[in-house]
N, C-alpha and C. Protein backbone atom coordinates (compact mmCIF):
# COMPACT_ATOMS: atom_id res chain seq x y z
N UNK A 1 0.82 -1.19 0.00
CA UNK A 1 0.00 0.00 0.00
C UNK A 1 0.87 1.26 0.00
N UNK A 2 2.03 1.24 0.70
CA UNK A 2 2.84 2.43 0.81
C UNK A 2 3.44 2.90 -0.51
N UNK A 3 3.96 2.01 -1.38
CA UNK A 3 4.51 2.51 -2.65
C UNK A 3 3.47 3.28 -3.46
N UNK A 4 2.25 2.77 -3.52
CA UNK A 4 1.18 3.46 -4.25
C UNK A 4 0.88 4.80 -3.59
N UNK A 5 0.88 4.83 -2.27
CA UNK A 5 0.63 6.07 -1.55
C UNK A 5 1.70 7.11 -1.87
N UNK A 6 2.95 6.67 -1.95
CA UNK A 6 4.03 7.60 -2.29
C UNK A 6 3.87 8.17 -3.69
N UNK A 7 3.45 7.32 -4.63
CA UNK A 7 3.20 7.81 -5.99
C UNK A 7 2.11 8.87 -5.99
N UNK A 8 1.02 8.62 -5.28
CA UNK A 8 -0.09 9.57 -5.21
C UNK A 8 0.36 10.87 -4.54
N UNK A 9 1.16 10.74 -3.51
CA UNK A 9 1.66 11.91 -2.80
C UNK A 9 2.52 12.78 -3.71
N UNK A 10 3.40 12.14 -4.48
CA UNK A 10 4.25 12.88 -5.41
C UNK A 10 3.42 13.63 -6.45
N UNK A 11 2.24 13.10 -6.77
CA UNK A 11 1.35 13.75 -7.74
C UNK A 11 0.46 14.80 -7.07
N UNK A 12 0.58 14.95 -5.75
CA UNK A 12 -0.22 15.93 -5.03
C UNK A 12 -1.66 15.49 -4.80
N UNK A 13 -1.91 14.22 -4.85
CA UNK A 13 -3.27 13.68 -4.68
C UNK A 13 -3.47 13.27 -3.22
N UNK A 14 -3.59 14.27 -2.35
CA UNK A 14 -3.62 14.03 -0.92
C UNK A 14 -4.84 13.24 -0.46
N UNK A 15 -6.00 13.58 -0.99
CA UNK A 15 -7.22 12.85 -0.61
C UNK A 15 -7.08 11.38 -0.97
N UNK A 16 -6.52 11.10 -2.13
CA UNK A 16 -6.33 9.73 -2.56
C UNK A 16 -5.35 8.99 -1.65
N UNK A 17 -4.32 9.72 -1.18
CA UNK A 17 -3.36 9.10 -0.27
C UNK A 17 -4.05 8.75 1.04
N UNK A 18 -4.84 9.69 1.56
CA UNK A 18 -5.57 9.40 2.80
C UNK A 18 -6.52 8.22 2.61
N UNK A 19 -7.17 8.17 1.44
CA UNK A 19 -8.04 7.04 1.15
C UNK A 19 -7.25 5.73 1.14
N UNK A 20 -6.04 5.78 0.58
CA UNK A 20 -5.20 4.58 0.54
C UNK A 20 -4.81 4.14 1.96
N UNK A 21 -4.47 5.13 2.80
CA UNK A 21 -4.15 4.79 4.20
C UNK A 21 -5.38 4.20 4.89
N UNK A 22 -6.54 4.78 4.64
CA UNK A 22 -7.77 4.27 5.26
C UNK A 22 -8.04 2.82 4.82
N UNK A 23 -7.80 2.53 3.55
CA UNK A 23 -7.98 1.15 3.06
C UNK A 23 -7.00 0.21 3.74
N UNK A 24 -5.76 0.65 3.88
CA UNK A 24 -4.75 -0.18 4.54
C UNK A 24 -5.13 -0.42 6.00
N UNK A 25 -5.67 0.60 6.65
CA UNK A 25 -6.08 0.47 8.05
C UNK A 25 -7.26 -0.49 8.18
N UNK A 26 -8.17 -0.46 7.21
CA UNK A 26 -9.29 -1.41 7.23
C UNK A 26 -8.78 -2.84 7.14
N UNK A 27 -7.75 -3.06 6.33
CA UNK A 27 -7.18 -4.40 6.16
C UNK A 27 -6.41 -4.84 7.40
N UNK A 28 -5.73 -3.89 8.04
CA UNK A 28 -4.92 -4.22 9.22
C UNK A 28 -4.98 -3.04 10.20
N UNK A 29 -6.03 -2.99 11.02
CA UNK A 29 -6.20 -1.85 11.93
C UNK A 29 -5.15 -1.76 13.03
N UNK A 30 -4.35 -2.80 13.21
CA UNK A 30 -3.33 -2.79 14.25
C UNK A 30 -1.93 -2.50 13.72
N UNK A 31 -1.84 -1.94 12.53
CA UNK A 31 -0.54 -1.60 11.95
C UNK A 31 -0.16 -0.18 12.36
N UNK A 32 0.66 -0.08 13.39
CA UNK A 32 1.04 1.25 13.87
C UNK A 32 1.77 2.07 12.81
N UNK A 33 2.50 1.41 11.92
CA UNK A 33 3.22 2.14 10.87
C UNK A 33 2.26 2.86 9.93
N UNK A 34 1.12 2.22 9.64
CA UNK A 34 0.13 2.86 8.75
C UNK A 34 -0.53 4.03 9.46
N UNK A 35 -0.89 3.85 10.72
CA UNK A 35 -1.47 4.96 11.48
C UNK A 35 -0.47 6.11 11.57
N UNK A 36 0.81 5.77 11.79
CA UNK A 36 1.84 6.80 11.90
C UNK A 36 1.99 7.55 10.57
N UNK A 37 2.04 6.82 9.46
CA UNK A 37 2.17 7.47 8.14
C UNK A 37 0.98 8.39 7.88
N UNK A 38 -0.20 7.93 8.23
CA UNK A 38 -1.41 8.75 8.04
C UNK A 38 -1.33 10.01 8.90
N UNK A 39 -0.90 9.85 10.13
CA UNK A 39 -0.81 11.00 11.03
C UNK A 39 0.22 12.01 10.55
N UNK A 40 1.33 11.53 10.01
CA UNK A 40 2.37 12.44 9.50
C UNK A 40 1.84 13.27 8.33
N UNK A 41 1.10 12.61 7.46
CA UNK A 41 0.55 13.34 6.32
C UNK A 41 -0.45 14.39 6.79
N UNK A 42 -1.32 14.01 7.71
CA UNK A 42 -2.29 14.96 8.25
C UNK A 42 -1.59 16.13 8.93
N UNK A 43 -0.55 15.82 9.69
CA UNK A 43 0.22 16.88 10.36
C UNK A 43 0.85 17.82 9.33
N UNK A 44 1.46 17.23 8.31
CA UNK A 44 2.11 18.05 7.28
C UNK A 44 1.12 18.92 6.52
N UNK A 45 -0.12 18.47 6.44
CA UNK A 45 -1.17 19.26 5.78
C UNK A 45 -1.79 20.29 6.72
N UNK A 46 -1.35 20.30 7.98
CA UNK A 46 -1.87 21.25 8.95
C UNK A 46 -3.17 20.82 9.60
N UNK A 47 -3.55 19.57 9.42
CA UNK A 47 -4.76 19.02 10.05
C UNK A 47 -4.37 18.42 11.41
N UNK A 48 -3.99 19.29 12.32
CA UNK A 48 -3.39 18.84 13.57
C UNK A 48 -4.33 18.01 14.45
N UNK A 49 -5.59 18.40 14.53
CA UNK A 49 -6.51 17.65 15.38
C UNK A 49 -6.69 16.22 14.86
N UNK A 50 -6.88 16.08 13.55
CA UNK A 50 -7.00 14.73 12.97
C UNK A 50 -5.69 13.96 13.13
N UNK A 51 -4.59 14.66 12.98
CA UNK A 51 -3.28 14.02 13.13
C UNK A 51 -3.13 13.48 14.55
N UNK A 52 -3.57 14.27 15.54
CA UNK A 52 -3.46 13.81 16.93
C UNK A 52 -4.20 12.50 17.15
N UNK A 53 -5.37 12.39 16.56
CA UNK A 53 -6.14 11.15 16.70
C UNK A 53 -5.38 9.96 16.12
N UNK A 54 -4.75 10.18 14.97
CA UNK A 54 -3.99 9.10 14.34
C UNK A 54 -2.71 8.79 15.13
N UNK A 55 -2.02 9.84 15.64
CA UNK A 55 -0.85 9.60 16.48
C UNK A 55 -1.25 8.79 17.72
N UNK A 56 -2.37 9.18 18.32
CA UNK A 56 -2.84 8.46 19.52
C UNK A 56 -3.11 6.99 19.21
N UNK A 57 -3.65 6.72 18.04
CA UNK A 57 -3.92 5.32 17.66
C UNK A 57 -2.60 4.56 17.47
N UNK A 58 -1.63 5.19 16.81
CA UNK A 58 -0.33 4.55 16.63
C UNK A 58 0.32 4.27 17.99
N UNK A 59 0.19 5.21 18.92
CA UNK A 59 0.77 5.07 20.26
C UNK A 59 0.00 4.01 21.06
N UNK A 60 -1.30 3.96 20.88
CA UNK A 60 -2.10 2.93 21.56
C UNK A 60 -1.63 1.54 21.14
N UNK A 61 -1.36 1.37 19.86
CA UNK A 61 -0.89 0.08 19.33
C UNK A 61 0.54 -0.20 19.78
N UNK A 62 1.38 0.84 19.74
CA UNK A 62 2.79 0.69 20.09
C UNK A 62 3.22 1.85 20.98
N UNK A 63 3.08 1.71 22.31
CA UNK A 63 3.42 2.80 23.22
C UNK A 63 4.90 3.21 23.18
N UNK A 64 5.75 2.37 22.59
CA UNK A 64 7.18 2.68 22.50
C UNK A 64 7.56 3.34 21.17
N UNK A 65 6.59 3.82 20.43
CA UNK A 65 6.82 4.45 19.12
C UNK A 65 7.29 5.89 19.36
N UNK A 66 8.60 6.05 19.53
CA UNK A 66 9.16 7.36 19.89
C UNK A 66 8.85 8.44 18.86
N UNK A 67 8.87 8.09 17.58
CA UNK A 67 8.59 9.10 16.55
C UNK A 67 7.12 9.53 16.58
N UNK A 68 6.23 8.64 16.95
CA UNK A 68 4.83 9.03 17.10
C UNK A 68 4.68 10.02 18.25
N UNK A 69 5.36 9.75 19.36
CA UNK A 69 5.32 10.68 20.49
C UNK A 69 5.91 12.03 20.10
N UNK A 70 7.07 12.02 19.44
CA UNK A 70 7.73 13.28 19.07
C UNK A 70 6.87 14.09 18.09
N UNK A 71 6.32 13.43 17.11
CA UNK A 71 5.51 14.15 16.12
C UNK A 71 4.14 14.55 16.68
N UNK A 72 3.66 13.80 17.65
CA UNK A 72 2.46 14.24 18.37
C UNK A 72 2.76 15.58 19.06
N UNK A 73 3.96 15.69 19.60
CA UNK A 73 4.37 16.96 20.21
C UNK A 73 4.35 18.11 19.22
N UNK A 74 4.81 17.85 18.00
CA UNK A 74 4.80 18.89 16.97
C UNK A 74 3.37 19.27 16.62
N UNK A 75 2.49 18.27 16.50
CA UNK A 75 1.09 18.57 16.20
C UNK A 75 0.45 19.37 17.34
N UNK A 76 0.75 19.00 18.58
CA UNK A 76 0.22 19.75 19.72
C UNK A 76 0.72 21.19 19.71
N UNK A 77 1.98 21.38 19.35
CA UNK A 77 2.49 22.75 19.28
C UNK A 77 1.78 23.54 18.18
N UNK A 78 1.41 22.86 17.10
CA UNK A 78 0.66 23.51 16.04
C UNK A 78 -0.72 23.96 16.48
N UNK A 79 -1.21 23.35 17.55
CA UNK A 79 -2.51 23.73 18.14
C UNK A 79 -2.32 24.65 19.36
N UNK A 80 -1.10 25.15 19.54
CA UNK A 80 -0.75 26.01 20.69
C UNK A 80 -0.98 25.32 22.02
N UNK A 81 -0.83 24.02 22.04
CA UNK A 81 -0.95 23.25 23.28
C UNK A 81 0.47 22.87 23.71
N UNK A 82 1.22 23.92 24.10
CA UNK A 82 2.65 23.79 24.32
C UNK A 82 3.02 22.89 25.50
N UNK A 83 2.30 22.99 26.58
CA UNK A 83 2.63 22.16 27.74
C UNK A 83 2.43 20.68 27.41
N UNK A 84 1.36 20.36 26.70
CA UNK A 84 1.14 18.98 26.28
C UNK A 84 2.22 18.55 25.29
N UNK A 85 2.67 19.49 24.46
CA UNK A 85 3.74 19.18 23.50
C UNK A 85 5.02 18.81 24.26
N UNK A 86 5.35 19.60 25.29
CA UNK A 86 6.54 19.31 26.09
C UNK A 86 6.43 17.91 26.70
N UNK A 87 5.23 17.57 27.19
CA UNK A 87 5.03 16.23 27.77
C UNK A 87 5.22 15.13 26.72
N UNK A 88 4.69 15.35 25.51
CA UNK A 88 4.86 14.36 24.44
C UNK A 88 6.34 14.22 24.06
N UNK A 89 7.05 15.35 23.98
CA UNK A 89 8.48 15.28 23.69
C UNK A 89 9.21 14.51 24.79
N UNK A 90 8.79 14.73 26.03
CA UNK A 90 9.40 14.00 27.14
C UNK A 90 9.18 12.50 27.04
N UNK A 91 7.98 12.10 26.63
CA UNK A 91 7.71 10.67 26.44
C UNK A 91 8.60 10.10 25.33
N UNK A 92 8.74 10.85 24.23
CA UNK A 92 9.60 10.39 23.13
C UNK A 92 11.04 10.23 23.62
N UNK A 93 11.50 11.19 24.41
CA UNK A 93 12.89 11.15 24.89
C UNK A 93 13.11 10.07 25.94
N UNK A 94 12.05 9.66 26.63
CA UNK A 94 12.20 8.54 27.57
C UNK A 94 12.43 7.23 26.82
N UNK A 95 11.99 7.20 25.56
CA UNK A 95 12.18 6.01 24.71
C UNK A 95 13.50 6.10 23.96
N UNK A 96 13.79 7.28 23.40
CA UNK A 96 15.04 7.49 22.66
C UNK A 96 15.69 8.78 23.16
N UNK A 97 16.53 8.67 24.19
CA UNK A 97 17.15 9.87 24.76
C UNK A 97 18.23 10.50 23.89
N UNK A 98 18.52 9.92 22.74
CA UNK A 98 19.55 10.46 21.85
C UNK A 98 18.99 11.16 20.62
N UNK A 99 17.72 11.52 20.65
CA UNK A 99 17.08 12.17 19.51
C UNK A 99 17.28 13.68 19.62
N UNK A 100 18.27 14.18 18.90
CA UNK A 100 18.64 15.59 18.98
C UNK A 100 17.48 16.51 18.56
N UNK A 101 16.74 16.13 17.54
CA UNK A 101 15.64 16.97 17.07
C UNK A 101 14.57 17.11 18.15
N UNK A 102 14.26 16.02 18.83
CA UNK A 102 13.24 16.09 19.88
C UNK A 102 13.72 16.91 21.06
N UNK A 103 15.01 16.80 21.40
CA UNK A 103 15.54 17.67 22.46
C UNK A 103 15.40 19.14 22.06
N UNK A 104 15.71 19.42 20.81
CA UNK A 104 15.63 20.80 20.33
C UNK A 104 14.16 21.28 20.31
N UNK A 105 13.27 20.45 19.80
CA UNK A 105 11.84 20.82 19.79
C UNK A 105 11.34 21.06 21.21
N UNK A 106 11.76 20.21 22.13
CA UNK A 106 11.36 20.38 23.53
C UNK A 106 11.89 21.70 24.07
N UNK A 107 13.14 22.01 23.75
CA UNK A 107 13.73 23.27 24.20
C UNK A 107 12.98 24.48 23.66
N UNK A 108 12.61 24.43 22.40
CA UNK A 108 11.85 25.54 21.80
C UNK A 108 10.51 25.71 22.52
N UNK A 109 9.81 24.61 22.77
CA UNK A 109 8.52 24.71 23.46
C UNK A 109 8.70 25.25 24.88
N UNK A 110 9.71 24.78 25.59
CA UNK A 110 9.97 25.27 26.93
C UNK A 110 10.28 26.76 26.90
N UNK A 111 11.05 27.19 25.92
CA UNK A 111 11.37 28.61 25.80
C UNK A 111 10.10 29.41 25.55
N UNK A 112 9.23 28.92 24.69
CA UNK A 112 7.98 29.62 24.40
C UNK A 112 7.06 29.67 25.62
N UNK A 113 7.20 28.71 26.52
CA UNK A 113 6.44 28.73 27.76
C UNK A 113 7.08 29.63 28.82
N UNK A 114 8.24 30.20 28.47
CA UNK A 114 8.95 31.05 29.43
C UNK A 114 9.79 30.27 30.42
N UNK A 115 9.95 28.98 30.20
CA UNK A 115 10.75 28.11 31.07
C UNK A 115 12.16 28.02 30.50
N UNK A 116 12.87 29.15 30.59
CA UNK A 116 14.13 29.29 29.87
C UNK A 116 15.26 28.43 30.44
N UNK A 117 15.32 28.26 31.74
CA UNK A 117 16.37 27.40 32.31
C UNK A 117 16.18 25.96 31.83
N UNK A 118 14.93 25.50 31.84
CA UNK A 118 14.63 24.15 31.35
C UNK A 118 14.93 24.05 29.85
N UNK A 119 14.65 25.12 29.12
CA UNK A 119 14.96 25.13 27.69
C UNK A 119 16.47 25.00 27.48
N UNK A 120 17.25 25.75 28.25
CA UNK A 120 18.72 25.65 28.14
C UNK A 120 19.19 24.22 28.41
N UNK A 121 18.58 23.58 29.40
CA UNK A 121 18.96 22.19 29.71
C UNK A 121 18.66 21.27 28.52
N UNK A 122 17.53 21.49 27.86
CA UNK A 122 17.19 20.67 26.69
C UNK A 122 18.20 20.91 25.56
N UNK A 123 18.54 22.19 25.33
CA UNK A 123 19.52 22.48 24.28
C UNK A 123 20.89 21.89 24.63
N UNK A 124 21.25 21.93 25.91
CA UNK A 124 22.53 21.34 26.33
C UNK A 124 22.54 19.83 26.07
N UNK A 125 21.42 19.16 26.31
CA UNK A 125 21.35 17.73 26.02
C UNK A 125 21.55 17.49 24.52
N UNK A 126 20.91 18.32 23.70
CA UNK A 126 21.06 18.17 22.24
C UNK A 126 22.52 18.40 21.84
N UNK A 127 23.15 19.38 22.45
CA UNK A 127 24.56 19.68 22.12
C UNK A 127 25.47 18.55 22.56
N UNK A 128 25.17 17.91 23.69
CA UNK A 128 25.97 16.75 24.12
C UNK A 128 25.90 15.63 23.08
N UNK A 129 24.73 15.47 22.48
CA UNK A 129 24.55 14.41 21.49
C UNK A 129 25.26 14.77 20.19
N UNK A 130 25.11 16.04 19.77
CA UNK A 130 25.75 16.49 18.53
C UNK A 130 26.26 17.91 18.72
N UNK A 131 27.51 18.05 19.15
CA UNK A 131 28.07 19.39 19.38
C UNK A 131 28.31 20.19 18.10
N UNK A 132 28.08 19.57 16.94
CA UNK A 132 28.32 20.24 15.66
C UNK A 132 27.04 20.78 15.02
N UNK A 133 25.92 20.80 15.75
CA UNK A 133 24.66 21.30 15.21
C UNK A 133 24.55 22.80 15.44
N UNK A 134 24.79 23.56 14.39
CA UNK A 134 24.71 25.01 14.49
C UNK A 134 23.32 25.50 14.86
N UNK A 135 22.29 24.80 14.40
CA UNK A 135 20.92 25.21 14.70
C UNK A 135 20.62 25.11 16.20
N UNK A 136 21.13 24.07 16.84
CA UNK A 136 20.91 23.94 18.28
C UNK A 136 21.66 25.02 19.04
N UNK A 137 22.91 25.28 18.63
CA UNK A 137 23.67 26.36 19.25
C UNK A 137 22.94 27.70 19.09
N UNK A 138 22.35 27.91 17.93
CA UNK A 138 21.62 29.15 17.68
C UNK A 138 20.39 29.25 18.59
N UNK A 139 19.64 28.18 18.72
CA UNK A 139 18.47 28.17 19.59
C UNK A 139 18.88 28.43 21.05
N UNK A 140 19.98 27.83 21.45
CA UNK A 140 20.50 28.07 22.80
C UNK A 140 20.86 29.54 22.96
N UNK A 141 21.49 30.11 21.94
CA UNK A 141 21.87 31.52 22.00
C UNK A 141 20.68 32.44 22.14
N UNK A 142 19.59 32.14 21.44
CA UNK A 142 18.40 32.97 21.54
C UNK A 142 17.79 32.89 22.94
N UNK A 143 17.85 31.72 23.54
CA UNK A 143 17.34 31.57 24.91
C UNK A 143 18.22 32.35 25.88
N UNK A 144 19.53 32.28 25.69
CA UNK A 144 20.43 33.08 26.53
C UNK A 144 20.15 34.57 26.38
N UNK A 145 19.85 34.98 25.17
CA UNK A 145 19.52 36.39 24.91
C UNK A 145 18.30 36.79 25.73
N UNK A 146 17.29 35.93 25.74
CA UNK A 146 16.07 36.21 26.52
C UNK A 146 16.37 36.29 28.02
N UNK A 147 17.44 35.63 28.44
CA UNK A 147 17.85 35.66 29.85
C UNK A 147 18.79 36.83 30.13
N UNK A 148 19.01 37.68 29.12
CA UNK A 148 19.90 38.85 29.23
C UNK A 148 21.33 38.46 29.56
N UNK A 149 21.73 37.31 29.10
CA UNK A 149 23.11 36.85 29.27
C UNK A 149 23.85 37.13 27.97
N UNK A 150 24.15 38.42 27.75
CA UNK A 150 24.60 38.86 26.43
C UNK A 150 25.99 38.33 26.04
N UNK A 151 26.91 38.24 26.99
CA UNK A 151 28.24 37.71 26.65
C UNK A 151 28.13 36.25 26.23
N UNK A 152 27.34 35.48 26.99
CA UNK A 152 27.13 34.07 26.63
C UNK A 152 26.38 33.94 25.31
N UNK A 153 25.42 34.85 25.10
CA UNK A 153 24.67 34.85 23.84
C UNK A 153 25.61 35.03 22.66
N UNK A 154 26.47 36.04 22.75
CA UNK A 154 27.39 36.33 21.66
C UNK A 154 28.30 35.13 21.38
N UNK A 155 28.87 34.57 22.44
CA UNK A 155 29.78 33.41 22.28
C UNK A 155 29.04 32.23 21.64
N UNK A 156 27.83 31.97 22.11
CA UNK A 156 27.03 30.85 21.60
C UNK A 156 26.65 31.07 20.14
N UNK A 157 26.27 32.30 19.80
CA UNK A 157 25.89 32.59 18.41
C UNK A 157 27.10 32.54 17.48
N UNK A 158 28.28 32.93 17.97
CA UNK A 158 29.48 32.79 17.14
C UNK A 158 29.77 31.30 16.88
N UNK A 159 29.56 30.48 17.88
CA UNK A 159 29.73 29.03 17.68
C UNK A 159 28.75 28.53 16.63
N UNK A 160 27.49 28.97 16.74
CA UNK A 160 26.47 28.57 15.77
C UNK A 160 26.87 28.99 14.35
N UNK A 161 27.37 30.20 14.23
CA UNK A 161 27.81 30.70 12.92
C UNK A 161 28.97 29.87 12.37
N UNK A 162 29.94 29.57 13.22
CA UNK A 162 31.09 28.75 12.81
C UNK A 162 30.64 27.36 12.35
N UNK A 163 29.52 26.89 12.92
CA UNK A 163 29.02 25.55 12.58
C UNK A 163 28.04 25.59 11.41
N UNK A 164 27.91 26.76 10.77
CA UNK A 164 27.14 26.83 9.53
C UNK A 164 25.71 27.33 9.67
N UNK A 165 25.33 27.82 10.83
CA UNK A 165 23.97 28.36 10.99
C UNK A 165 23.99 29.83 10.57
N UNK A 166 23.58 30.09 9.34
CA UNK A 166 23.69 31.44 8.79
C UNK A 166 22.79 32.45 9.49
N UNK A 167 21.66 32.01 10.05
CA UNK A 167 20.79 32.98 10.71
C UNK A 167 21.41 33.53 12.00
N UNK A 168 22.42 32.87 12.52
CA UNK A 168 23.12 33.38 13.71
C UNK A 168 23.73 34.75 13.40
N UNK A 169 24.13 34.97 12.16
CA UNK A 169 24.70 36.27 11.76
C UNK A 169 23.69 37.39 12.00
N UNK A 170 22.43 37.17 11.62
CA UNK A 170 21.39 38.18 11.81
C UNK A 170 21.18 38.47 13.29
N UNK A 171 21.20 37.43 14.11
CA UNK A 171 21.01 37.63 15.54
C UNK A 171 22.20 38.35 16.17
N UNK A 172 23.41 38.04 15.71
CA UNK A 172 24.59 38.75 16.20
C UNK A 172 24.52 40.23 15.83
N UNK A 173 24.06 40.52 14.62
CA UNK A 173 23.92 41.92 14.19
C UNK A 173 22.88 42.64 15.05
N UNK A 174 21.77 41.99 15.34
CA UNK A 174 20.74 42.59 16.19
C UNK A 174 21.28 42.82 17.60
N UNK A 175 22.05 41.89 18.10
CA UNK A 175 22.66 42.02 19.42
C UNK A 175 23.61 43.22 19.43
N UNK A 176 24.40 43.38 18.36
CA UNK A 176 25.31 44.51 18.23
C UNK A 176 24.54 45.83 18.20
N UNK A 177 23.43 45.86 17.42
CA UNK A 177 22.62 47.09 17.33
C UNK A 177 22.05 47.48 18.70
N UNK A 178 21.78 46.50 19.54
CA UNK A 178 21.28 46.78 20.88
C UNK A 178 22.39 47.26 21.82
N UNK A 179 23.63 47.23 21.33
CA UNK A 179 24.74 47.69 22.13
C UNK A 179 25.35 46.63 23.03
N UNK A 180 25.14 45.37 22.67
CA UNK A 180 25.69 44.29 23.50
C UNK A 180 26.81 43.62 22.77
């Protein structure tokens, strides 16, 4: 069923892809991979509420499906349900503590909730896993900026820039314009 779904997706036939997933689910309602694929497509289309239902079904079938938990967090954040998103990211990380993207997503959500110290801890975990990720260094730098730790912000953003995160340059310029 998946190869045909990919062909339909490449042609932009989203309704047909969803229909194909629904047919596959009718044939095997306990296939967490099919529920997960359906939920990802719904999430990517911005149908977050429907995606949540499909993520929940995939998780019900396989509670250890770390990617379902992580992507459920992204769907929850799309619905501005940030605290629930943080919890979903936490569940994903309890299954796979080495997922740098989930650590970063969790840090972003924590920062948006104003929980900046916890956000820094999440970014630090991501950096421990991959110290060469300029995007994570940049996210950490922005959180430090919000904490008015300007010297640390500058140092962190320079690291991000050295690691190839080009948007760090814009943030460094803004920091300079503020006189820091």
